[in-house]
């Protein structure tokens, strides 16, 4: 009985020590994820660039109206920086108090998964910690209204 308790306690404690999420990691991950959306709210290409890993890819699925075939749309780091510079220059793409809810789905020593819920869409983001900094390396997104993907 004592041996069983010891084994269970060992695995529970061992599992806890594997989790590498620190308070600073949590703050840094949230900061990077928010920089991604806030750089679009108030056009700021530098803020976007700082949040991205150079090999980031942003993807979503759309349907071609003419052929009715699905295809995957992809954006690179360069596309996202240009998006941050140009998307909301007139200030009319977001509400005055835009939604930017974050959910940390999983965090380990070098990787993290985050869900960002914005006004018209949501993004699933993967982040990597390289050279001591968290950066977005993958984004998979979808409009809330599936009809927007047509």
C-alpha atoms as a PDB file:
ATOM      1  CA  UNK A   1       0.000   0.000   0.000  1.00  0.00           C
ATOM      2  CA  UNK A   2       2.755   2.442   0.946  1.00  0.00           C
ATOM      3  CA  UNK A   3       4.708   1.408  -2.141  1.00  0.00           C
ATOM      4  CA  UNK A   4       1.704   2.123  -4.401  1.00  0.00           C
ATOM      5  CA  UNK A   5       1.263   5.554  -2.802  1.00  0.00           C
ATOM      6  CA  UNK A   6       4.985   6.254  -3.309  1.00  0.00           C
ATOM      7  CA  UNK A   7       4.816   5.282  -7.001  1.00  0.00           C
ATOM      8  CA  UNK A   8       1.727   7.466  -7.595  1.00  0.00           C
ATOM      9  CA  UNK A   9       3.304  10.412  -5.755  1.00  0.00           C
ATOM     10  CA  UNK A  10       6.523   9.967  -7.739  1.00  0.00           C
ATOM     11  CA  UNK A  11       4.702  10.146 -11.079  1.00  0.00           C
ATOM     12  CA  UNK A  12       2.559  13.110 -10.037  1.00  0.00           C
ATOM     13  CA  UNK A  13       5.575  15.082  -8.832  1.00  0.00           C
ATOM     14  CA  UNK A  14       7.591  14.015 -11.885  1.00  0.00           C
ATOM     15  CA  UNK A  15       4.816  15.165 -14.204  1.00  0.00           C
ATOM     16  CA  UNK A  16       4.647  18.537 -12.480  1.00  0.00           C
ATOM     17  CA  UNK A  17       8.366  19.113 -12.871  1.00  0.00           C
ATOM     18  CA  UNK A  18       8.163  18.409 -16.622  1.00  0.00           C
ATOM     19  CA  UNK A  19       5.900  21.420 -17.088  1.00  0.00           C
ATOM     20  CA  UNK A  20       8.280  24.259 -17.886  1.00  0.00           C
ATOM     21  CA  UNK A  21       5.773  27.079 -17.788  1.00  0.00           C
ATOM     22  CA  UNK A  22       6.984  29.904 -15.616  1.00  0.00           C
ATOM     23  CA  UNK A  23       5.143  33.072 -14.754  1.00  0.00           C
ATOM     24  CA  UNK A  24       7.473  34.935 -17.107  1.00  0.00           C
ATOM     25  CA  UNK A  25       6.747  32.463 -19.931  1.00  0.00           C
ATOM     26  CA  UNK A  26       3.015  33.027 -19.450  1.00  0.00           C
ATOM     27  CA  UNK A  27       3.442  36.807 -19.562  1.00  0.00           C
ATOM     28  CA  UNK A  28       5.721  36.639 -22.616  1.00  0.00           C
ATOM     29  CA  UNK A  29       3.401  34.285 -24.521  1.00  0.00           C
ATOM     30  CA  UNK A  30       0.414  36.539 -23.856  1.00  0.00           C
ATOM     31  CA  UNK A  31       2.423  39.624 -24.854  1.00  0.00           C
ATOM     32  CA  UNK A  32       3.426  38.078 -28.188  1.00  0.00           C
ATOM     33  CA  UNK A  33      -0.090  36.819 -28.974  1.00  0.00           C
ATOM     34  CA  UNK A  34      -1.579  40.230 -28.150  1.00  0.00           C
ATOM     35  CA  UNK A  35       1.081  42.002 -30.228  1.00  0.00           C
ATOM     36  CA  UNK A  36      -0.093  39.961 -33.216  1.00  0.00           C
ATOM     37  CA  UNK A  37      -3.670  41.285 -33.004  1.00  0.00           C
ATOM     38  CA  UNK A  38      -2.907  44.740 -31.608  1.00  0.00           C
ATOM     39  CA  UNK A  39      -0.503  45.431 -34.480  1.00  0.00           C
ATOM     40  CA  UNK A  40      -3.547  45.090 -36.730  1.00  0.00           C
ATOM     41  CA  UNK A  41      -5.819  47.225 -34.520  1.00  0.00           C
ATOM     42  CA  UNK A  42      -3.393  50.150 -34.630  1.00  0.00           C
ATOM     43  CA  UNK A  43      -1.264  49.584 -37.719  1.00  0.00           C
ATOM     44  CA  UNK A  44       2.199  48.730 -36.435  1.00  0.00           C
ATOM     45  CA  UNK A  45       4.363  46.553 -38.698  1.00  0.00           C
ATOM     46  CA  UNK A  46       7.308  46.601 -36.253  1.00  0.00           C
ATOM     47  CA  UNK A  47       5.117  45.215 -33.470  1.00  0.00           C
ATOM     48  CA  UNK A  48       3.930  42.422 -35.788  1.00  0.00           C
ATOM     49  CA  UNK A  49       7.458  41.651 -36.964  1.00  0.00           C
ATOM     50  CA  UNK A  50       8.701  41.417 -33.381  1.00  0.00           C
ATOM     51  CA  UNK A  51       5.982  38.848 -32.562  1.00  0.00           C
ATOM     52  CA  UNK A  52       6.749  36.544 -35.489  1.00  0.00           C
ATOM     53  CA  UNK A  53       9.303  33.853 -36.094  1.00  0.00           C
ATOM     54  CA  UNK A  54      10.810  34.477 -39.564  1.00  0.00           C
ATOM     55  CA  UNK A  55       9.409  31.137 -40.784  1.00  0.00           C
ATOM     56  CA  UNK A  56       5.847  31.745 -39.614  1.00  0.00           C
ATOM     57  CA  UNK A  57       2.986  30.585 -41.808  1.00  0.00           C
ATOM     58  CA  UNK A  58      -0.633  31.689 -41.352  1.00  0.00           C
ATOM     59  CA  UNK A  59      -3.248  29.466 -42.990  1.00  0.00           C
ATOM     60  CA  UNK A  60      -6.985  29.150 -43.482  1.00  0.00           C
ATOM     61  CA  UNK A  61      -9.337  27.208 -45.736  1.00  0.00           C
ATOM     62  CA  UNK A  62     -11.474  28.976 -48.332  1.00  0.00           C
ATOM     63  CA  UNK A  63     -13.780  27.827 -51.109  1.00  0.00           C
ATOM     64  CA  UNK A  64     -13.298  29.135 -54.613  1.00  0.00           C
ATOM     65  CA  UNK A  65     -16.648  30.621 -55.666  1.00  0.00           C
ATOM     66  CA  UNK A  66     -16.321  29.557 -59.283  1.00  0.00           C
ATOM     67  CA  UNK A  67     -14.951  26.020 -58.929  1.00  0.00           C
ATOM     68  CA  UNK A  68     -16.518  25.300 -55.503  1.00  0.00           C
ATOM     69  CA  UNK A  69     -13.223  23.658 -54.494  1.00  0.00           C
ATOM     70  CA  UNK A  70     -11.565  24.220 -51.151  1.00  0.00           C
ATOM     71  CA  UNK A  71      -8.053  25.606 -51.033  1.00  0.00           C
ATOM     72  CA  UNK A  72      -5.625  26.605 -48.306  1.00  0.00           C
ATOM     73  CA  UNK A  73      -4.623  30.260 -48.165  1.00  0.00           C
ATOM     74  CA  UNK A  74      -1.144  30.983 -46.781  1.00  0.00           C
ATOM     75  CA  UNK A  75       0.559  34.109 -45.484  1.00  0.00           C
ATOM     76  CA  UNK A  76       4.269  34.432 -44.723  1.00  0.00           C
ATOM     77  CA  UNK A  77       5.982  36.711 -42.225  1.00  0.00           C
ATOM     78  CA  UNK A  78       6.391  39.314 -44.963  1.00  0.00           C
ATOM     79  CA  UNK A  79       2.648  39.183 -45.782  1.00  0.00           C
ATOM     80  CA  UNK A  80       1.724  39.559 -42.102  1.00  0.00           C
ATOM     81  CA  UNK A  81       3.996  42.559 -41.609  1.00  0.00           C
ATOM     82  CA  UNK A  82       2.421  44.199 -44.677  1.00  0.00           C
ATOM     83  CA  UNK A  83      -1.020  43.317 -43.278  1.00  0.00           C
ATOM     84  CA  UNK A  84      -0.170  45.042 -39.996  1.00  0.00           C
ATOM     85  CA  UNK A  85       0.972  48.099 -41.935  1.00  0.00           C
ATOM     86  CA  UNK A  86      -2.015  48.379 -44.253  1.00  0.00           C
ATOM     87  CA  UNK A  87      -5.116  46.507 -43.007  1.00  0.00           C
ATOM     88  CA  UNK A  88      -6.660  49.060 -40.656  1.00  0.00           C
ATOM     89  CA  UNK A  89      -5.189  52.370 -41.819  1.00  0.00           C
ATOM     90  CA  UNK A  90      -8.645  53.980 -41.967  1.00  0.00           C
ATOM     91  CA  UNK A  91      -9.461  52.692 -38.469  1.00  0.00           C
ATOM     92  CA  UNK A  92     -12.683  51.033 -39.638  1.00  0.00           C
ATOM     93  CA  UNK A  93     -11.863  47.300 -39.476  1.00  0.00           C
ATOM     94  CA  UNK A  94     -12.395  46.807 -35.726  1.00  0.00           C
ATOM     95  CA  UNK A  95     -14.821  48.083 -33.080  1.00  0.00           C
ATOM     96  CA  UNK A  96     -13.658  50.883 -30.775  1.00  0.00           C
ATOM     97  CA  UNK A  97     -12.984  48.298 -28.055  1.00  0.00           C
ATOM     98  CA  UNK A  98     -11.941  45.225 -30.053  1.00  0.00           C
ATOM     99  CA  UNK A  99     -12.234  41.745 -28.593  1.00  0.00           C
ATOM    100  CA  UNK A 100      -8.944  39.994 -27.902  1.00  0.00           C
ATOM    101  CA  UNK A 101      -9.505  37.035 -25.601  1.00  0.00           C
ATOM    102  CA  UNK A 102      -6.593  34.663 -25.113  1.00  0.00           C
ATOM    103  CA  UNK A 103      -6.665  31.063 -23.943  1.00  0.00           C
ATOM    104  CA  UNK A 104      -3.390  29.306 -23.256  1.00  0.00           C
ATOM    105  CA  UNK A 105      -4.095  25.766 -24.416  1.00  0.00           C
ATOM    106  CA  UNK A 106      -0.723  24.208 -23.663  1.00  0.00           C
ATOM    107  CA  UNK A 107       2.727  25.412 -22.643  1.00  0.00           C
ATOM    108  CA  UNK A 108       5.949  23.456 -22.416  1.00  0.00           C
ATOM    109  CA  UNK A 109       9.606  24.422 -22.256  1.00  0.00           C
ATOM    110  CA  UNK A 110       9.934  25.427 -25.921  1.00  0.00           C
ATOM    111  CA  UNK A 111       6.424  25.343 -27.390  1.00  0.00           C
ATOM    112  CA  UNK A 112       3.012  26.775 -26.650  1.00  0.00           C
ATOM    113  CA  UNK A 113      -0.482  26.669 -28.142  1.00  0.00           C
ATOM    114  CA  UNK A 114      -2.805  29.651 -27.815  1.00  0.00           C
ATOM    115  CA  UNK A 115      -6.333  30.412 -28.986  1.00  0.00           C
ATOM    116  CA  UNK A 116      -7.024  34.065 -29.751  1.00  0.00           C
ATOM    117  CA  UNK A 117     -10.676  35.022 -30.058  1.00  0.00           C
ATOM    118  CA  UNK A 118     -11.102  38.291 -31.923  1.00  0.00           C
ATOM    119  CA  UNK A 119     -14.273  40.037 -33.104  1.00  0.00           C
ATOM    120  CA  UNK A 120     -14.845  38.360 -36.456  1.00  0.00           C
ATOM    121  CA  UNK A 121     -12.524  35.360 -36.290  1.00  0.00           C
ATOM    122  CA  UNK A 122     -10.366  33.184 -34.107  1.00  0.00           C
ATOM    123  CA  UNK A 123      -6.735  32.115 -34.444  1.00  0.00           C
ATOM    124  CA  UNK A 124      -4.984  29.024 -33.158  1.00  0.00           C
ATOM    125  CA  UNK A 125      -1.328  29.927 -32.694  1.00  0.00           C
ATOM    126  CA  UNK A 126       1.747  27.841 -32.063  1.00  0.00           C
ATOM    127  CA  UNK A 127       4.655  29.637 -30.482  1.00  0.00           C
ATOM    128  CA  UNK A 128       8.264  28.546 -30.096  1.00  0.00           C
ATOM    129  CA  UNK A 129      10.869  29.761 -27.669  1.00  0.00           C
ATOM    130  CA  UNK A 130      14.110  30.402 -29.515  1.00  0.00           C
ATOM    131  CA  UNK A 131      17.107  32.253 -28.116  1.00  0.00           C
ATOM    132  CA  UNK A 132      15.073  32.971 -24.983  1.00  0.00           C
ATOM    133  CA  UNK A 133      12.189  34.668 -26.840  1.00  0.00           C
ATOM    134  CA  UNK A 134       8.676  33.453 -27.639  1.00  0.00           C
ATOM    135  CA  UNK A 135       7.693  33.863 -31.303  1.00  0.00           C
ATOM    136  CA  UNK A 136       4.633  32.855 -33.329  1.00  0.00           C
ATOM    137  CA  UNK A 137       5.560  30.139 -35.842  1.00  0.00           C
ATOM    138  CA  UNK A 138       2.139  28.918 -36.961  1.00  0.00           C
ATOM    139  CA  UNK A 139      -1.355  30.412 -37.190  1.00  0.00           C
ATOM    140  CA  UNK A 140      -4.480  28.553 -38.264  1.00  0.00           C
ATOM    141  CA  UNK A 141      -7.527  30.812 -38.370  1.00  0.00           C
ATOM    142  CA  UNK A 142     -11.187  30.893 -39.291  1.00  0.00           C
ATOM    143  CA  UNK A 143     -13.952  33.488 -39.493  1.00  0.00           C
ATOM    144  CA  UNK A 144     -16.775  32.995 -36.993  1.00  0.00           C
ATOM    145  CA  UNK A 145     -19.214  33.028 -39.909  1.00  0.00           C
ATOM    146  CA  UNK A 146     -18.272  30.121 -42.127  1.00  0.00           C
ATOM    147  CA  UNK A 147     -19.921  31.898 -45.067  1.00  0.00           C
ATOM    148  CA  UNK A 148     -16.979  34.325 -45.025  1.00  0.00           C
ATOM    149  CA  UNK A 149     -14.788  31.490 -46.289  1.00  0.00           C
ATOM    150  CA  UNK A 150     -16.582  31.412 -49.653  1.00  0.00           C
END
